[in-house]
N, C-alpha and C. Protein backbone atom coordinates (compact mmCIF):
# COMPACT_ATOMS: atom_id res chain seq x y z
N SER A 1 0.67 -1.28 0.46
CA SER A 1 -0.04 0.13 -0.18
C SER A 1 1.21 1.25 0.35
N ARG A 2 0.41 2.36 -0.87
CA ARG A 2 1.42 3.71 -0.14
C ARG A 2 1.22 4.18 0.59
N ASP A 3 0.38 3.31 1.45
CA ASP A 3 0.66 4.28 2.80
C ASP A 3 1.32 3.65 4.05
N ASN A 4 1.87 2.64 3.38
CA ASN A 4 2.67 1.50 4.53
C ASN A 4 4.29 2.15 4.38
N TYR A 5 4.30 3.22 4.88
CA TYR A 5 6.00 3.83 4.82
C TYR A 5 5.87 4.69 6.05
N PHE A 6 7.52 5.29 6.54
CA PHE A 6 7.40 6.22 7.40
C PHE A 6 8.85 7.00 6.94
N VAL A 7 8.82 8.15 7.16
CA VAL A 7 10.38 8.74 6.64
C VAL A 7 10.97 8.90 8.29
N MET A 8 12.56 8.97 8.35
CA MET A 8 12.74 9.04 9.51
C MET A 8 14.17 9.76 8.54
N THR A 9 14.24 11.12 9.55
CA THR A 9 15.59 11.78 8.68
C THR A 9 16.13 12.90 9.94
N SER A 10 17.14 12.95 9.69
CA SER A 10 18.09 13.52 10.35
C SER A 10 18.08 15.30 9.52
N ASN A 11 17.75 15.68 8.70
CA ASN A 11 17.81 16.57 7.78
C ASN A 11 16.86 17.81 8.97
N ILE A 12 17.52 18.92 8.70
CA ILE A 12 16.57 19.90 9.53
C ILE A 12 16.27 21.00 8.46
N ASP A 13 15.92 20.65 6.99
CA ASP A 13 15.37 21.62 6.01
C ASP A 13 14.09 21.62 5.86
N SER A 14 13.64 20.44 5.66
CA SER A 14 12.15 19.93 5.68
C SER A 14 11.67 19.93 4.13
N GLN A 15 12.85 19.22 3.84
CA GLN A 15 12.39 18.82 2.06
C GLN A 15 11.48 17.71 2.14
N PHE A 16 11.38 16.76 3.23
CA PHE A 16 10.09 15.95 2.79
C PHE A 16 8.91 16.56 3.04
N HIS A 17 9.02 17.70 3.89
CA HIS A 17 7.64 18.05 3.61
C HIS A 17 7.22 19.01 2.30
N LYS A 18 8.25 19.68 2.08
CA LYS A 18 8.17 20.34 0.40
C LYS A 18 7.75 19.84 -0.60
N ALA A 19 8.79 18.15 -0.48
CA ALA A 19 8.34 17.63 -1.59
C ALA A 19 6.98 16.46 -1.52
N GLY A 20 6.39 16.72 -0.56
CA GLY A 20 5.02 16.21 -0.40
C GLY A 20 4.84 15.15 0.26
N PHE A 21 5.79 14.90 1.18
CA PHE A 21 5.14 13.51 1.97
C PHE A 21 4.19 13.68 2.74
N ASP A 22 3.63 12.73 3.22
CA ASP A 22 2.40 13.12 4.40
C ASP A 22 3.04 13.54 5.75
N PRO A 23 2.89 14.54 6.58
CA PRO A 23 3.70 15.15 7.49
C PRO A 23 3.45 14.26 8.93
N GLU A 24 1.96 13.51 8.77
CA GLU A 24 2.20 12.59 9.73
C GLU A 24 2.94 11.17 9.70
N ARG A 25 4.10 11.19 8.88
CA ARG A 25 4.55 9.92 8.71
C ARG A 25 6.04 10.30 8.45
N ILE A 26 6.32 11.91 8.82
CA ILE A 26 7.63 12.30 8.74
C ILE A 26 8.40 12.57 10.54
N VAL A 27 9.57 11.76 10.66
CA VAL A 27 9.79 12.11 11.97
C VAL A 27 11.35 12.94 11.88
N GLU A 28 11.80 13.83 12.41
CA GLU A 28 12.64 14.78 12.34
C GLU A 28 13.47 14.32 13.46
N THR A 29 14.49 13.71 13.20
CA THR A 29 14.97 13.37 14.61
C THR A 29 15.78 14.82 15.20
N HIS A 30 16.36 15.55 14.06
CA HIS A 30 17.24 16.28 14.81
C HIS A 30 16.36 17.89 14.36
N GLY A 31 15.00 18.28 14.77
CA GLY A 31 14.16 19.06 14.87
C GLY A 31 14.00 19.68 12.91
N SER A 32 14.03 20.78 13.11
CA SER A 32 13.18 21.30 11.50
C SER A 32 13.74 23.05 12.02
N LEU A 33 14.03 23.74 11.14
CA LEU A 33 13.81 25.17 11.06
C LEU A 33 12.67 25.72 10.85
N ASN A 34 12.13 25.23 10.54
CA ASN A 34 10.75 25.66 10.53
C ASN A 34 9.66 25.68 11.93
N ARG A 35 10.59 25.29 13.02
CA ARG A 35 10.04 25.50 14.04
C ARG A 35 10.91 26.22 14.97
N LEU A 36 10.40 26.75 15.98
CA LEU A 36 11.07 27.60 17.32
C LEU A 36 11.05 27.20 18.47
N GLN A 37 11.99 27.08 18.97
CA GLN A 37 11.97 27.26 20.72
C GLN A 37 12.40 28.33 21.13
N CYS A 38 11.88 28.77 22.39
CA CYS A 38 12.67 29.63 23.68
C CYS A 38 14.13 29.10 23.93
N LEU A 39 15.05 30.39 23.82
CA LEU A 39 16.43 30.57 23.86
C LEU A 39 17.06 30.33 25.55
N GLY A 40 15.53 31.07 25.80
CA GLY A 40 15.84 31.00 27.57
C GLY A 40 15.21 30.13 28.20
N ASN A 41 15.05 28.84 27.21
CA ASN A 41 14.43 27.45 27.92
C ASN A 41 13.03 28.10 28.66
N CYS A 42 12.49 28.65 28.26
CA CYS A 42 11.15 28.83 28.81
C CYS A 42 10.48 27.38 29.00
N GLU A 43 9.92 26.84 29.88
CA GLU A 43 9.42 25.90 29.90
C GLU A 43 7.71 26.10 29.74
N ARG A 44 7.29 27.32 29.59
CA ARG A 44 5.80 27.12 29.03
C ARG A 44 5.86 27.59 27.29
N SER A 45 6.72 27.68 27.08
CA SER A 45 6.51 27.60 25.48
C SER A 45 6.41 26.55 24.48
N GLY A 46 6.97 25.53 24.88
CA GLY A 46 7.11 24.45 24.18
C GLY A 46 8.21 24.74 22.62
N VAL A 47 7.54 24.06 21.63
CA VAL A 47 7.68 23.99 20.22
C VAL A 47 7.09 24.52 19.42
N TRP A 48 7.07 25.60 18.52
CA TRP A 48 5.96 25.84 17.71
C TRP A 48 6.29 26.12 16.69
N THR A 49 5.77 26.59 15.58
CA THR A 49 5.73 27.01 14.03
C THR A 49 5.99 28.26 13.28
N GLU A 50 6.86 28.41 13.18
CA GLU A 50 7.50 30.54 12.71
C GLU A 50 6.11 30.51 11.37
N THR A 51 5.49 31.05 11.37
CA THR A 51 4.61 31.89 10.18
C THR A 51 5.21 32.44 8.88
N THR A 52 4.96 31.89 8.01
CA THR A 52 6.17 32.36 6.54
C THR A 52 5.77 33.61 6.32
N GLU A 53 4.59 34.50 7.03
CA GLU A 53 4.82 36.10 6.85
C GLU A 53 6.09 36.44 7.52
N SER A 54 6.07 36.10 8.96
CA SER A 54 7.35 36.13 9.79
C SER A 54 8.54 35.98 9.15
N LYS A 55 8.51 34.92 8.53
CA LYS A 55 10.16 34.64 7.94
C LYS A 55 9.85 35.89 6.71
N ALA A 56 9.10 35.79 6.13
CA ALA A 56 9.13 36.91 5.06
C ALA A 56 9.60 38.23 5.28
N ALA A 57 8.62 38.51 6.44
CA ALA A 57 9.02 40.10 6.85
C ALA A 57 10.50 40.50 7.53
N ARG A 58 11.35 38.85 7.93
CA ARG A 58 12.24 39.70 8.25
C ARG A 58 13.65 39.78 7.20
N GLN A 59 14.50 40.79 6.60
CA GLN A 59 15.35 41.29 6.18
C GLN A 59 16.51 41.04 6.77
N VAL A 60 17.58 40.64 5.89
CA VAL A 60 18.80 39.94 6.23
C VAL A 60 19.90 41.27 5.61
N ASP A 61 20.84 41.71 6.11
CA ASP A 61 21.57 42.80 5.32
C ASP A 61 23.00 41.80 4.77
N MET A 62 22.94 41.20 3.52
CA MET A 62 23.69 40.45 3.44
C MET A 62 24.87 40.43 3.51
N GLU A 63 25.37 41.95 3.70
CA GLU A 63 27.34 42.17 3.51
C GLU A 63 27.52 41.97 5.36
N THR A 64 26.57 41.67 5.97
CA THR A 64 26.86 41.77 7.35
C THR A 64 26.07 40.28 8.12
N PHE A 65 24.99 40.10 7.39
CA PHE A 65 24.28 38.42 7.71
C PHE A 65 23.27 38.95 8.95
N ARG A 66 23.50 40.36 8.99
CA ARG A 66 22.51 40.22 10.41
C ARG A 66 20.89 40.83 10.07
N ILE A 67 20.30 40.81 10.69
CA ILE A 67 18.85 40.92 10.78
C ILE A 67 18.68 42.47 10.85
N LYS A 68 18.27 43.36 9.73
CA LYS A 68 17.79 44.60 9.56
C LYS A 68 17.08 45.34 10.56
N ASP A 69 16.11 44.56 11.07
CA ASP A 69 15.23 45.83 11.88
C ASP A 69 15.10 44.30 12.98
N MET A 70 15.72 44.88 14.32
CA MET A 70 16.08 43.90 15.46
C MET A 70 14.48 43.36 16.13
N ALA A 71 13.34 44.92 15.60
CA ALA A 71 12.29 44.14 16.34
C ALA A 71 11.90 42.94 15.37
N MET A 72 12.11 42.57 14.49
CA MET A 72 11.65 41.25 13.66
C MET A 72 12.46 39.98 14.17
N VAL A 73 13.26 40.04 15.25
CA VAL A 73 13.82 38.51 15.78
C VAL A 73 12.43 37.89 16.24
N PRO A 74 12.78 36.42 16.01
CA PRO A 74 11.87 35.92 16.67
C PRO A 74 11.60 35.74 18.34
N LYS A 75 10.40 36.02 18.40
CA LYS A 75 10.21 36.11 20.25
C LYS A 75 9.72 34.81 21.11
N CYS A 76 10.13 34.56 21.95
CA CYS A 76 9.12 33.36 22.60
C CYS A 76 7.78 34.13 23.05
N LEU A 77 6.49 32.99 22.56
CA LEU A 77 5.19 33.50 22.82
C LEU A 77 4.82 33.54 24.05
N SER A 78 5.54 33.05 25.03
CA SER A 78 5.41 33.01 26.31
C SER A 78 5.79 33.97 27.28
N CYS A 79 7.33 34.14 26.88
CA CYS A 79 8.08 34.80 28.46
C CYS A 79 8.78 36.19 27.30
N GLY A 80 8.92 36.10 25.81
CA GLY A 80 9.36 37.34 25.07
C GLY A 80 10.78 37.07 24.92
N SER A 81 11.58 36.14 25.60
CA SER A 81 12.58 35.86 25.26
C SER A 81 13.18 35.77 23.89
N ILE A 82 14.11 35.90 23.12
CA ILE A 82 14.42 35.52 22.08
C ILE A 82 14.26 33.97 21.57
N ALA A 83 13.65 33.75 20.19
CA ALA A 83 13.77 32.07 20.23
C ALA A 83 14.61 31.83 19.09
N ARG A 84 14.91 30.61 19.33
CA ARG A 84 16.00 29.85 18.45
C ARG A 84 15.45 29.06 17.51
N PRO A 85 15.76 28.71 16.11
CA PRO A 85 15.45 26.96 15.57
C PRO A 85 15.60 26.07 16.41
N ASN A 86 14.34 25.50 16.49
CA ASN A 86 14.15 24.02 17.33
C ASN A 86 15.19 22.82 16.65
N VAL A 87 16.29 22.82 16.42
CA VAL A 87 17.40 22.05 16.06
C VAL A 87 18.23 21.81 16.33
N SER A 88 18.45 20.27 17.02
CA SER A 88 19.59 19.97 17.82
C SER A 88 20.72 20.45 17.45
N LEU A 89 21.95 21.12 17.98
CA LEU A 89 23.04 21.26 17.73
C LEU A 89 24.25 20.85 18.30
N VAL A 90 25.14 21.04 17.68
CA VAL A 90 26.36 20.10 18.31
C VAL A 90 26.38 20.62 19.61
N SER A 91 26.55 21.73 20.27
CA SER A 91 26.64 22.08 21.82
C SER A 91 25.51 21.73 22.33
N ASP A 92 24.21 21.35 21.73
CA ASP A 92 23.15 21.11 22.75
C ASP A 92 23.33 20.41 23.90
N THR A 93 22.35 20.55 24.99
CA THR A 93 22.83 19.23 25.70
C THR A 93 20.77 18.60 26.31
N ASN A 94 20.33 18.28 26.77
CA ASN A 94 18.79 17.76 26.70
C ASN A 94 18.18 18.76 27.41
N GLU A 95 19.24 19.90 28.08
CA GLU A 95 18.14 20.91 28.71
C GLU A 95 18.07 22.19 27.61
N SER A 96 19.01 22.20 26.31
CA SER A 96 19.30 23.15 25.66
C SER A 96 17.96 22.86 24.68
N PHE A 97 18.27 21.47 24.20
CA PHE A 97 17.11 21.20 22.83
C PHE A 97 15.73 20.76 23.38
N ASN A 98 14.73 21.25 23.16
CA ASN A 98 13.48 21.13 23.60
C ASN A 98 13.62 19.59 22.41
N ASP A 99 12.98 18.71 22.73
CA ASP A 99 12.93 17.71 21.79
C ASP A 99 11.06 17.22 21.74
N ALA A 100 10.16 17.81 22.79
CA ALA A 100 8.89 17.39 22.61
C ALA A 100 8.29 17.15 21.31
N PHE A 101 8.38 18.19 20.14
CA PHE A 101 7.85 17.66 19.03
C PHE A 101 8.72 16.31 17.93
N TYR A 102 9.66 16.29 18.36
CA TYR A 102 10.22 14.92 18.00
C TYR A 102 9.57 13.62 18.38
N LEU A 103 9.70 13.77 19.76
CA LEU A 103 8.74 12.85 20.89
C LEU A 103 7.45 12.31 20.36
N PHE A 104 7.15 13.56 19.72
CA PHE A 104 5.35 13.20 19.27
C PHE A 104 5.52 13.14 18.03
N GLN A 105 6.26 13.09 17.03
CA GLN A 105 6.27 12.60 15.94
C GLN A 105 6.55 11.37 15.64
N LYS A 106 7.34 10.88 16.86
CA LYS A 106 7.85 9.31 16.68
C LYS A 106 6.74 8.48 17.27
N GLN A 107 6.22 9.04 18.44
CA GLN A 107 4.95 8.58 19.24
C GLN A 107 3.95 7.80 18.34
N LYS A 108 3.79 8.89 17.24
CA LYS A 108 2.63 8.48 16.08
C LYS A 108 2.80 7.64 15.67
N LEU A 109 4.37 7.16 15.26
CA LEU A 109 4.72 6.24 14.70
C LEU A 109 4.52 4.88 15.39
N LEU A 110 4.43 5.04 16.77
CA LEU A 110 4.67 3.31 17.07
C LEU A 110 2.90 3.18 18.03
N ASP A 111 2.25 4.04 17.44
CA ASP A 111 0.85 4.04 17.93
C ASP A 111 0.62 3.08 16.64
């Protein structure tokens, strides 16, 4: 059957989503650049998807590679701290990478 598959990837670029794979059948073990988490490890915020509009509104100076308008830096929905991509970085620990969405994806496959 065409529905008898799942994709487990360590890629963070969401290419399987862009290629049309069923999001219910994708597990992103290292997170995704399309989701954010609180840089201050705010316990209340969890992981959320950044809107296309907020990404498009953020302009980057291509000489300095800095955001032109600092008011456009993504913020935590709960505490207002700076948000970071929800991806597992080399220096991350269990405390700094919020793996809640990955665990949610993984559980769907086990059910």
